[in-house]
Amino acid sequence: LAAPLGMDPMEFAALRVAVLNGMGEYAIARAVVQDVD
């Protein structure tokens, strides 16, 4: 996904990963952060 206009892509990614962690989807969360340098 592309971040909303005006939102830092890193903030958008961090919010998504935090939600995945809260859901117990740690492997998917790790995969998403690995998509970012």
ModelCIF file with pLDDT and N, C-alpha, C, O atoms, coordinates in Angstrom:
data_MODEL
#
_entry.id   MODEL 
#
_entity.id                         1 
_entity.type                       polymer 
_entity.pdbx_number_of_molecules   1 
#
_entity_poly.entity_id                      1 
_entity_poly.type                           'polypeptide(L)' 
_entity_poly.nstd_linkage                   no 
_entity_poly.nstd_monomer                   no 
_entity_poly.pdbx_seq_one_letter_code       LAAPLGMDPMEFAALRVAVLNGMGEYAIARAVVQDVD 
_entity_poly.pdbx_seq_one_letter_code_can   LAAPLGMDPMEFAALRVAVLNGMGEYAIARAVVQDVD 
_entity_poly.pdbx_strand_id                 A 
#
loop_
_entity_poly_seq.entity_id 
_entity_poly_seq.num 
_entity_poly_seq.mon_id 
_entity_poly_seq.hetero 
1 1  LEU n 
1 2  ALA n 
1 3  ALA n 
1 4  PRO n 
1 5  LEU n 
1 6  GLY n 
1 7  MET n 
1 8  ASP n 
1 9  PRO n 
1 10 MET n 
1 11 GLU n 
1 12 PHE n 
1 13 ALA n 
1 14 ALA n 
1 15 LEU n 
1 16 ARG n 
1 17 VAL n 
1 18 ALA n 
1 19 VAL n 
1 20 LEU n 
1 21 ASN n 
1 22 GLY n 
1 23 MET n 
1 24 GLY n 
1 25 GLU n 
1 26 TYR n 
1 27 ALA n 
1 28 ILE n 
1 29 ALA n 
1 30 ARG n 
1 31 ALA n 
1 32 VAL n 
1 33 VAL n 
1 34 GLN n 
1 35 ASP n 
1 36 VAL n 
1 37 ASP n 
#
_struct_asym.id          A 
_struct_asym.entity_id   1 
#
loop_
_ma_qa_metric.id 
_ma_qa_metric.mode 
_ma_qa_metric.name 
_ma_qa_metric.software_group_id 
_ma_qa_metric.type 
1 global pLDDT . pLDDT 
2 local  pLDDT . pLDDT 
#
_ma_qa_metric_global.metric_id      1 
_ma_qa_metric_global.metric_value   96.59 
_ma_qa_metric_global.model_id       1 
_ma_qa_metric_global.ordinal_id     1 
#
loop_
_ma_qa_metric_local.label_asym_id 
_ma_qa_metric_local.label_comp_id 
_ma_qa_metric_local.label_seq_id 
_ma_qa_metric_local.metric_id 
_ma_qa_metric_local.metric_value 
_ma_qa_metric_local.model_id 
_ma_qa_metric_local.ordinal_id 
A LEU 1  2 97.00 1 1  
A ALA 2  2 97.00 1 2  
A ALA 3  2 97.00 1 3  
A PRO 4  2 96.00 1 4  
A LEU 5  2 94.00 1 5  
A GLY 6  2 94.00 1 6  
A MET 7  2 96.00 1 7  
A ASP 8  2 96.00 1 8  
A PRO 9  2 96.00 1 9  
A MET 10 2 96.00 1 10 
A GLU 11 2 97.00 1 11 
A PHE 12 2 97.00 1 12 
A ALA 13 2 97.00 1 13 
A ALA 14 2 98.00 1 14 
A LEU 15 2 98.00 1 15 
A ARG 16 2 98.00 1 16 
A VAL 17 2 98.00 1 17 
A ALA 18 2 98.00 1 18 
A VAL 19 2 98.00 1 19 
A LEU 20 2 98.00 1 20 
A ASN 21 2 97.00 1 21 
A GLY 22 2 96.00 1 22 
A MET 23 2 97.00 1 23 
A GLY 24 2 96.00 1 24 
A GLU 25 2 97.00 1 25 
A TYR 26 2 97.00 1 26 
A ALA 27 2 97.00 1 27 
A ILE 28 2 97.00 1 28 
A ALA 29 2 98.00 1 29 
A ARG 30 2 97.00 1 30 
A ALA 31 2 97.00 1 31 
A VAL 32 2 97.00 1 32 
A VAL 33 2 97.00 1 33 
A GLN 34 2 95.00 1 34 
A ASP 35 2 95.00 1 35 
A VAL 36 2 95.00 1 36 
A ASP 37 2 93.00 1 37 
#
loop_
_atom_site.group_PDB 
_atom_site.id 
_atom_site.type_symbol 
_atom_site.label_atom_id 
_atom_site.label_alt_id 
_atom_site.label_comp_id 
_atom_site.label_asym_id 
_atom_site.label_entity_id 
_atom_site.label_seq_id 
_atom_site.pdbx_PDB_ins_code 
_atom_site.Cartn_x 
_atom_site.Cartn_y 
_atom_site.Cartn_z 
_atom_site.occupancy 
_atom_site.B_iso_or_equiv 
_atom_site.pdbx_formal_charge 
_atom_site.auth_seq_id 
_atom_site.auth_comp_id 
_atom_site.auth_asym_id 
_atom_site.auth_atom_id 
_atom_site.pdbx_PDB_model_num 
ATOM 1   N N  . LEU A 1 1  ? 0.826  -1.198  0.000  1.00 97.00 ? 1  LEU A N  1 
ATOM 2   C CA . LEU A 1 1  ? 0.000  0.000   0.000  1.00 97.00 ? 1  LEU A CA 1 
ATOM 3   C C  . LEU A 1 1  ? 0.863  1.252   0.000  1.00 97.00 ? 1  LEU A C  1 
ATOM 4   O O  . LEU A 1 1  ? 1.955  1.280   0.566  1.00 97.00 ? 1  LEU A O  1 
ATOM 5   N N  . ALA A 1 2  ? 0.341  2.285   -0.650 1.00 97.00 ? 2  ALA A N  1 
ATOM 6   C CA . ALA A 1 2  ? 0.966  3.600   -0.591 1.00 97.00 ? 2  ALA A CA 1 
ATOM 7   C C  . ALA A 1 2  ? 0.403  4.356   0.602  1.00 97.00 ? 2  ALA A C  1 
ATOM 8   O O  . ALA A 1 2  ? -0.775 4.224   0.931  1.00 97.00 ? 2  ALA A O  1 
ATOM 9   N N  . ALA A 1 3  ? 1.243  5.139   1.239  1.00 97.00 ? 3  ALA A N  1 
ATOM 10  C CA . ALA A 1 3  ? 0.811  5.906   2.406  1.00 97.00 ? 3  ALA A CA 1 
ATOM 11  C C  . ALA A 1 3  ? -0.121 7.025   1.973  1.00 97.00 ? 3  ALA A C  1 
ATOM 12  O O  . ALA A 1 3  ? -0.007 7.515   0.850  1.00 97.00 ? 3  ALA A O  1 
ATOM 13  N N  . PRO A 1 4  ? -1.037 7.439   2.836  1.00 96.00 ? 4  PRO A N  1 
ATOM 14  C CA . PRO A 1 4  ? -1.885 8.594   2.512  1.00 96.00 ? 4  PRO A CA 1 
ATOM 15  C C  . PRO A 1 4  ? -1.043 9.839   2.272  1.00 96.00 ? 4  PRO A C  1 
ATOM 16  O O  . PRO A 1 4  ? 0.046  9.982   2.828  1.00 96.00 ? 4  PRO A O  1 
ATOM 17  N N  . LEU A 1 5  ? -1.555 10.731  1.445  1.00 94.00 ? 5  LEU A N  1 
ATOM 18  C CA . LEU A 1 5  ? -0.836 11.963  1.167  1.00 94.00 ? 5  LEU A CA 1 
ATOM 19  C C  . LEU A 1 5  ? -0.636 12.744  2.465  1.00 94.00 ? 5  LEU A C  1 
ATOM 20  O O  . LEU A 1 5  ? -1.573 12.938  3.240  1.00 94.00 ? 5  LEU A O  1 
ATOM 21  N N  . GLY A 1 6  ? 0.587  13.183  2.684  1.00 94.00 ? 6  GLY A N  1 
ATOM 22  C CA . GLY A 1 6  ? 0.897  13.939  3.879  1.00 94.00 ? 6  GLY A CA 1 
ATOM 23  C C  . GLY A 1 6  ? 1.399  13.094  5.034  1.00 94.00 ? 6  GLY A C  1 
ATOM 24  O O  . GLY A 1 6  ? 1.890  13.646  6.018  1.00 94.00 ? 6  GLY A O  1 
ATOM 25  N N  . MET A 1 7  ? 1.295  11.778  4.951  1.00 96.00 ? 7  MET A N  1 
ATOM 26  C CA . MET A 1 7  ? 1.771  10.909  6.027  1.00 96.00 ? 7  MET A CA 1 
ATOM 27  C C  . MET A 1 7  ? 3.130  10.331  5.666  1.00 96.00 ? 7  MET A C  1 
ATOM 28  O O  . MET A 1 7  ? 3.348  9.879   4.542  1.00 96.00 ? 7  MET A O  1 
ATOM 29  N N  . ASP A 1 8  ? 4.031  10.350  6.619  1.00 96.00 ? 8  ASP A N  1 
ATOM 30  C CA . ASP A 1 8  ? 5.348  9.758   6.428  1.00 96.00 ? 8  ASP A CA 1 
ATOM 31  C C  . ASP A 1 8  ? 5.189  8.256   6.179  1.00 96.00 ? 8  ASP A C  1 
ATOM 32  O O  . ASP A 1 8  ? 4.540  7.576   6.975  1.00 96.00 ? 8  ASP A O  1 
ATOM 33  N N  . PRO A 1 9  ? 5.762  7.723   5.099  1.00 96.00 ? 9  PRO A N  1 
ATOM 34  C CA . PRO A 1 9  ? 5.641  6.281   4.851  1.00 96.00 ? 9  PRO A CA 1 
ATOM 35  C C  . PRO A 1 9  ? 6.139  5.426   6.007  1.00 96.00 ? 9  PRO A C  1 
ATOM 36  O O  . PRO A 1 9  ? 5.632  4.326   6.228  1.00 96.00 ? 9  PRO A O  1 
ATOM 37  N N  . MET A 1 10 ? 7.142  5.930   6.758  1.00 96.00 ? 10 MET A N  1 
ATOM 38  C CA . MET A 1 10 ? 7.640  5.159   7.897  1.00 96.00 ? 10 MET A CA 1 
ATOM 39  C C  . MET A 1 10 ? 6.624  5.130   9.032  1.00 96.00 ? 10 MET A C  1 
ATOM 40  O O  . MET A 1 10 ? 6.506  4.122   9.729  1.00 96.00 ? 10 MET A O  1 
ATOM 41  N N  . GLU A 1 11 ? 5.898  6.210   9.223  1.00 97.00 ? 11 GLU A N  1 
ATOM 42  C CA . GLU A 1 11 ? 4.845  6.213   10.239 1.00 97.00 ? 11 GLU A CA 1 
ATOM 43  C C  . GLU A 1 11 ? 3.730  5.255   9.835  1.00 97.00 ? 11 GLU A C  1 
ATOM 44  O O  . GLU A 1 11 ? 3.205  4.519   10.671 1.00 97.00 ? 11 GLU A O  1 
ATOM 45  N N  . PHE A 1 12 ? 3.374  5.265   8.567  1.00 97.00 ? 12 PHE A N  1 
ATOM 46  C CA . PHE A 1 12 ? 2.334  4.357   8.069  1.00 97.00 ? 12 PHE A CA 1 
ATOM 47  C C  . PHE A 1 12 ? 2.746  2.904   8.254  1.00 97.00 ? 12 PHE A C  1 
ATOM 48  O O  . PHE A 1 12 ? 1.944  2.076   8.686  1.00 97.00 ? 12 PHE A O  1 
ATOM 49  N N  . ALA A 1 13 ? 3.999  2.596   7.928  1.00 97.00 ? 13 ALA A N  1 
ATOM 50  C CA . ALA A 1 13 ? 4.486  1.224   8.100  1.00 97.00 ? 13 ALA A CA 1 
ATOM 51  C C  . ALA A 1 13 ? 4.531  0.840   9.570  1.00 97.00 ? 13 ALA A C  1 
ATOM 52  O O  . ALA A 1 13 ? 4.157  -0.277  9.925  1.00 97.00 ? 13 ALA A O  1 
ATOM 53  N N  . ALA A 1 14 ? 4.983  1.745   10.431 1.00 98.00 ? 14 ALA A N  1 
ATOM 54  C CA . ALA A 1 14 ? 5.074  1.443   11.864 1.00 98.00 ? 14 ALA A CA 1 
ATOM 55  C C  . ALA A 1 14 ? 3.697  1.181   12.459 1.00 98.00 ? 14 ALA A C  1 
ATOM 56  O O  . ALA A 1 14 ? 3.548  0.278   13.282 1.00 98.00 ? 14 ALA A O  1 
ATOM 57  N N  . LEU A 1 15 ? 2.695  1.946   12.063 1.00 98.00 ? 15 LEU A N  1 
ATOM 58  C CA . LEU A 1 15 ? 1.339  1.737   12.572 1.00 98.00 ? 15 LEU A CA 1 
ATOM 59  C C  . LEU A 1 15 ? 0.800  0.380   12.141 1.00 98.00 ? 15 LEU A C  1 
ATOM 60  O O  . LEU A 1 15 ? 0.161  -0.316  12.930 1.00 98.00 ? 15 LEU A O  1 
ATOM 61  N N  . ARG A 1 16 ? 1.054  0.002   10.898 1.00 98.00 ? 16 ARG A N  1 
ATOM 62  C CA . ARG A 1 16 ? 0.572  -1.292  10.404 1.00 98.00 ? 16 ARG A CA 1 
ATOM 63  C C  . ARG A 1 16 ? 1.251  -2.453  11.129 1.00 98.00 ? 16 ARG A C  1 
ATOM 64  O O  . ARG A 1 16 ? 0.599  -3.424  11.512 1.00 98.00 ? 16 ARG A O  1 
ATOM 65  N N  . VAL A 1 17 ? 2.550  -2.342  11.310 1.00 98.00 ? 17 VAL A N  1 
ATOM 66  C CA . VAL A 1 17 ? 3.281  -3.417  11.990 1.00 98.00 ? 17 VAL A CA 1 
ATOM 67  C C  . VAL A 1 17 ? 2.825  -3.538  13.443 1.00 98.00 ? 17 VAL A C  1 
ATOM 68  O O  . VAL A 1 17 ? 2.719  -4.644  13.972 1.00 98.00 ? 17 VAL A O  1 
ATOM 69  N N  . ALA A 1 18 ? 2.556  -2.408  14.087 1.00 98.00 ? 18 ALA A N  1 
ATOM 70  C CA . ALA A 1 18 ? 2.081  -2.452  15.467 1.00 98.00 ? 18 ALA A CA 1 
ATOM 71  C C  . ALA A 1 18 ? 0.726  -3.154  15.564 1.00 98.00 ? 18 ALA A C  1 
ATOM 72  O O  . ALA A 1 18 ? 0.485  -3.897  16.516 1.00 98.00 ? 18 ALA A O  1 
ATOM 73  N N  . VAL A 1 19 ? -0.156 -2.929  14.596 1.00 98.00 ? 19 VAL A N  1 
ATOM 74  C CA . VAL A 1 19 ? -1.459 -3.612  14.599 1.00 98.00 ? 19 VAL A CA 1 
ATOM 75  C C  . VAL A 1 19 ? -1.270 -5.116  14.396 1.00 98.00 ? 19 VAL A C  1 
ATOM 76  O O  . VAL A 1 19 ? -1.924 -5.918  15.062 1.00 98.00 ? 19 VAL A O  1 
ATOM 77  N N  . LEU A 1 20 ? -0.387 -5.496  13.487 1.00 98.00 ? 20 LEU A N  1 
ATOM 78  C CA . LEU A 1 20 ? -0.107 -6.921  13.269 1.00 98.00 ? 20 LEU A CA 1 
ATOM 79  C C  . LEU A 1 20 ? 0.433  -7.567  14.541 1.00 98.00 ? 20 LEU A C  1 
ATOM 80  O O  . LEU A 1 20 ? 0.055  -8.688  14.879 1.00 98.00 ? 20 LEU A O  1 
ATOM 81  N N  . ASN A 1 21 ? 1.313  -6.865  15.241 1.00 97.00 ? 21 ASN A N  1 
ATOM 82  C CA . ASN A 1 21 ? 1.812  -7.400  16.509 1.00 97.00 ? 21 ASN A CA 1 
ATOM 83  C C  . ASN A 1 21 ? 0.683  -7.581  17.512 1.00 97.00 ? 21 ASN A C  1 
ATOM 84  O O  . ASN A 1 21 ? 0.630  -8.596  18.208 1.00 97.00 ? 21 ASN A O  1 
ATOM 85  N N  . GLY A 1 22 ? -0.216 -6.616  17.594 1.00 96.00 ? 22 GLY A N  1 
ATOM 86  C CA . GLY A 1 22 ? -1.326 -6.723  18.517 1.00 96.00 ? 22 GLY A CA 1 
ATOM 87  C C  . GLY A 1 22 ? -2.259 -7.870  18.202 1.00 96.00 ? 22 GLY A C  1 
ATOM 88  O O  . GLY A 1 22 ? -2.928 -8.395  19.092 1.00 96.00 ? 22 GLY A O  1 
ATOM 89  N N  . MET A 1 23 ? -2.309 -8.262  16.937 1.00 97.00 ? 23 MET A N  1 
ATOM 90  C CA . MET A 1 23 ? -3.141 -9.390  16.512 1.00 97.00 ? 23 MET A CA 1 
ATOM 91  C C  . MET A 1 23 ? -2.438 -10.732 16.688 1.00 97.00 ? 23 MET A C  1 
ATOM 92  O O  . MET A 1 23 ? -3.060 -11.780 16.516 1.00 97.00 ? 23 MET A O  1 
ATOM 93  N N  . GLY A 1 24 ? -1.160 -10.713 17.028 1.00 96.00 ? 24 GLY A N  1 
ATOM 94  C CA . GLY A 1 24 ? -0.400 -11.956 17.155 1.00 96.00 ? 24 GLY A CA 1 
ATOM 95  C C  . GLY A 1 24 ? 0.214  -12.428 15.861 1.00 96.00 ? 24 GLY A C  1 
ATOM 96  O O  . GLY A 1 24 ? 0.700  -13.556 15.789 1.00 96.00 ? 24 GLY A O  1 
ATOM 97  N N  . GLU A 1 25 ? 0.206  -11.588 14.824 1.00 97.00 ? 25 GLU A N  1 
ATOM 98  C CA . GLU A 1 25 ? 0.768  -11.956 13.515 1.00 97.00 ? 25 GLU A CA 1 
ATOM 99  C C  . GLU A 1 25 ? 2.216  -11.476 13.426 1.00 97.00 ? 25 GLU A C  1 
ATOM 100 O O  . GLU A 1 25 ? 2.543  -10.601 12.624 1.00 97.00 ? 25 GLU A O  1 
ATOM 101 N N  . TYR A 1 26 ? 3.066  -12.054 14.251 1.00 97.00 ? 26 TYR A N  1 
ATOM 102 C CA . TYR A 1 26 ? 4.446  -11.580 14.341 1.00 97.00 ? 26 TYR A CA 1 
ATOM 103 C C  . TYR A 1 26 ? 5.260  -11.940 13.101 1.00 97.00 ? 26 TYR A C  1 
ATOM 104 O O  . TYR A 1 26 ? 6.125  -11.165 12.692 1.00 97.00 ? 26 TYR A O  1 
ATOM 105 N N  . ALA A 1 27 ? 5.008  -13.075 12.506 1.00 97.00 ? 27 ALA A N  1 
ATOM 106 C CA . ALA A 1 27 ? 5.761  -13.452 11.307 1.00 97.00 ? 27 ALA A CA 1 
ATOM 107 C C  . ALA A 1 27 ? 5.430  -12.518 10.151 1.00 97.00 ? 27 ALA A C  1 
ATOM 108 O O  . ALA A 1 27 ? 6.321  -12.134 9.394  1.00 97.00 ? 27 ALA A O  1 
ATOM 109 N N  . ILE A 1 28 ? 4.156  -12.148 10.005 1.00 97.00 ? 28 ILE A N  1 
ATOM 110 C CA . ILE A 1 28 ? 3.771  -11.219 8.946  1.00 97.00 ? 28 ILE A CA 1 
ATOM 111 C C  . ILE A 1 28 ? 4.332  -9.837  9.239  1.00 97.00 ? 28 ILE A C  1 
ATOM 112 O O  . ILE A 1 28 ? 4.779  -9.141  8.327  1.00 97.00 ? 28 ILE A O  1 
ATOM 113 N N  . ALA A 1 29 ? 4.313  -9.435  10.503 1.00 98.00 ? 29 ALA A N  1 
ATOM 114 C CA . ALA A 1 29 ? 4.889  -8.140  10.878 1.00 98.00 ? 29 ALA A CA 1 
ATOM 115 C C  . ALA A 1 29 ? 6.373  -8.093  10.523 1.00 98.00 ? 29 ALA A C  1 
ATOM 116 O O  . ALA A 1 29 ? 6.854  -7.085  10.006 1.00 98.00 ? 29 ALA A O  1 
ATOM 117 N N  . ARG A 1 30 ? 7.087  -9.155  10.792 1.00 97.00 ? 30 ARG A N  1 
ATOM 118 C CA . ARG A 1 30 ? 8.513  -9.199  10.453 1.00 97.00 ? 30 ARG A CA 1 
ATOM 119 C C  . ARG A 1 30 ? 8.709  -9.101  8.947  1.00 97.00 ? 30 ARG A C  1 
ATOM 120 O O  . ARG A 1 30 ? 9.632  -8.430  8.483  1.00 97.00 ? 30 ARG A O  1 
ATOM 121 N N  . ALA A 1 31 ? 7.851  -9.762  8.182  1.00 97.00 ? 31 ALA A N  1 
ATOM 122 C CA . ALA A 1 31 ? 7.974  -9.705  6.724  1.00 97.00 ? 31 ALA A CA 1 
ATOM 123 C C  . ALA A 1 31 ? 7.743  -8.291  6.202  1.00 97.00 ? 31 ALA A C  1 
ATOM 124 O O  . ALA A 1 31 ? 8.405  -7.867  5.255  1.00 97.00 ? 31 ALA A O  1 
ATOM 125 N N  . VAL A 1 32 ? 6.811  -7.558  6.808  1.00 97.00 ? 32 VAL A N  1 
ATOM 126 C CA . VAL A 1 32 ? 6.535  -6.193  6.353  1.00 97.00 ? 32 VAL A CA 1 
ATOM 127 C C  . VAL A 1 32 ? 7.728  -5.283  6.649  1.00 97.00 ? 32 VAL A C  1 
ATOM 128 O O  . VAL A 1 32 ? 8.111  -4.484  5.795  1.00 97.00 ? 32 VAL A O  1 
ATOM 129 N N  . VAL A 1 33 ? 8.326  -5.388  7.843  1.00 97.00 ? 33 VAL A N  1 
ATOM 130 C CA . VAL A 1 33 ? 9.466  -4.519  8.150  1.00 97.00 ? 33 VAL A CA 1 
ATOM 131 C C  . VAL A 1 33 ? 10.669 -4.882  7.291  1.00 97.00 ? 33 VAL A C  1 
ATOM 132 O O  . VAL A 1 33 ? 11.504 -4.021  7.012  1.00 97.00 ? 33 VAL A O  1 
ATOM 133 N N  . GLN A 1 34 ? 10.773 -6.118  6.874  1.00 95.00 ? 34 GLN A N  1 
ATOM 134 C CA . GLN A 1 34 ? 11.888 -6.508  6.010  1.00 95.00 ? 34 GLN A CA 1 
ATOM 135 C C  . GLN A 1 34 ? 11.731 -5.954  4.599  1.00 95.00 ? 34 GLN A C  1 
ATOM 136 O O  . GLN A 1 34 ? 12.671 -6.001  3.806  1.00 95.00 ? 34 GLN A O  1 
ATOM 137 N N  . ASP A 1 35 ? 10.555 -5.431  4.282  1.00 95.00 ? 35 ASP A N  1 
ATOM 138 C CA . ASP A 1 35 ? 10.347 -4.798  2.981  1.00 95.00 ? 35 ASP A CA 1 
ATOM 139 C C  . ASP A 1 35 ? 10.842 -3.352  2.981  1.00 95.00 ? 35 ASP A C  1 
ATOM 140 O O  . ASP A 1 35 ? 10.765 -2.671  1.958  1.00 95.00 ? 35 ASP A O  1 
ATOM 141 N N  . VAL A 1 36 ? 11.342 -2.889  4.106  1.00 95.00 ? 36 VAL A N  1 
ATOM 142 C CA . VAL A 1 36 ? 11.851 -1.522  4.240  1.00 95.00 ? 36 VAL A CA 1 
ATOM 143 C C  . VAL A 1 36 ? 13.344 -1.588  4.555  1.00 95.00 ? 36 VAL A C  1 
ATOM 144 O O  . VAL A 1 36 ? 13.749 -2.328  5.451  1.00 95.00 ? 36 VAL A O  1 
ATOM 145 N N  . ASP A 1 37 ? 14.158 -0.835  3.840  1.00 93.00 ? 37 ASP A N  1 
ATOM 146 C CA . ASP A 1 37 ? 15.591 -0.780  4.133  1.00 93.00 ? 37 ASP A CA 1 
ATOM 147 C C  . ASP A 1 37 ? 15.802 -0.294  5.560  1.00 93.00 ? 37 ASP A C  1 
ATOM 148 O O  . ASP A 1 37 ? 16.942 -0.176  6.009  1.00 93.00 ? 37 ASP A O  1 
#
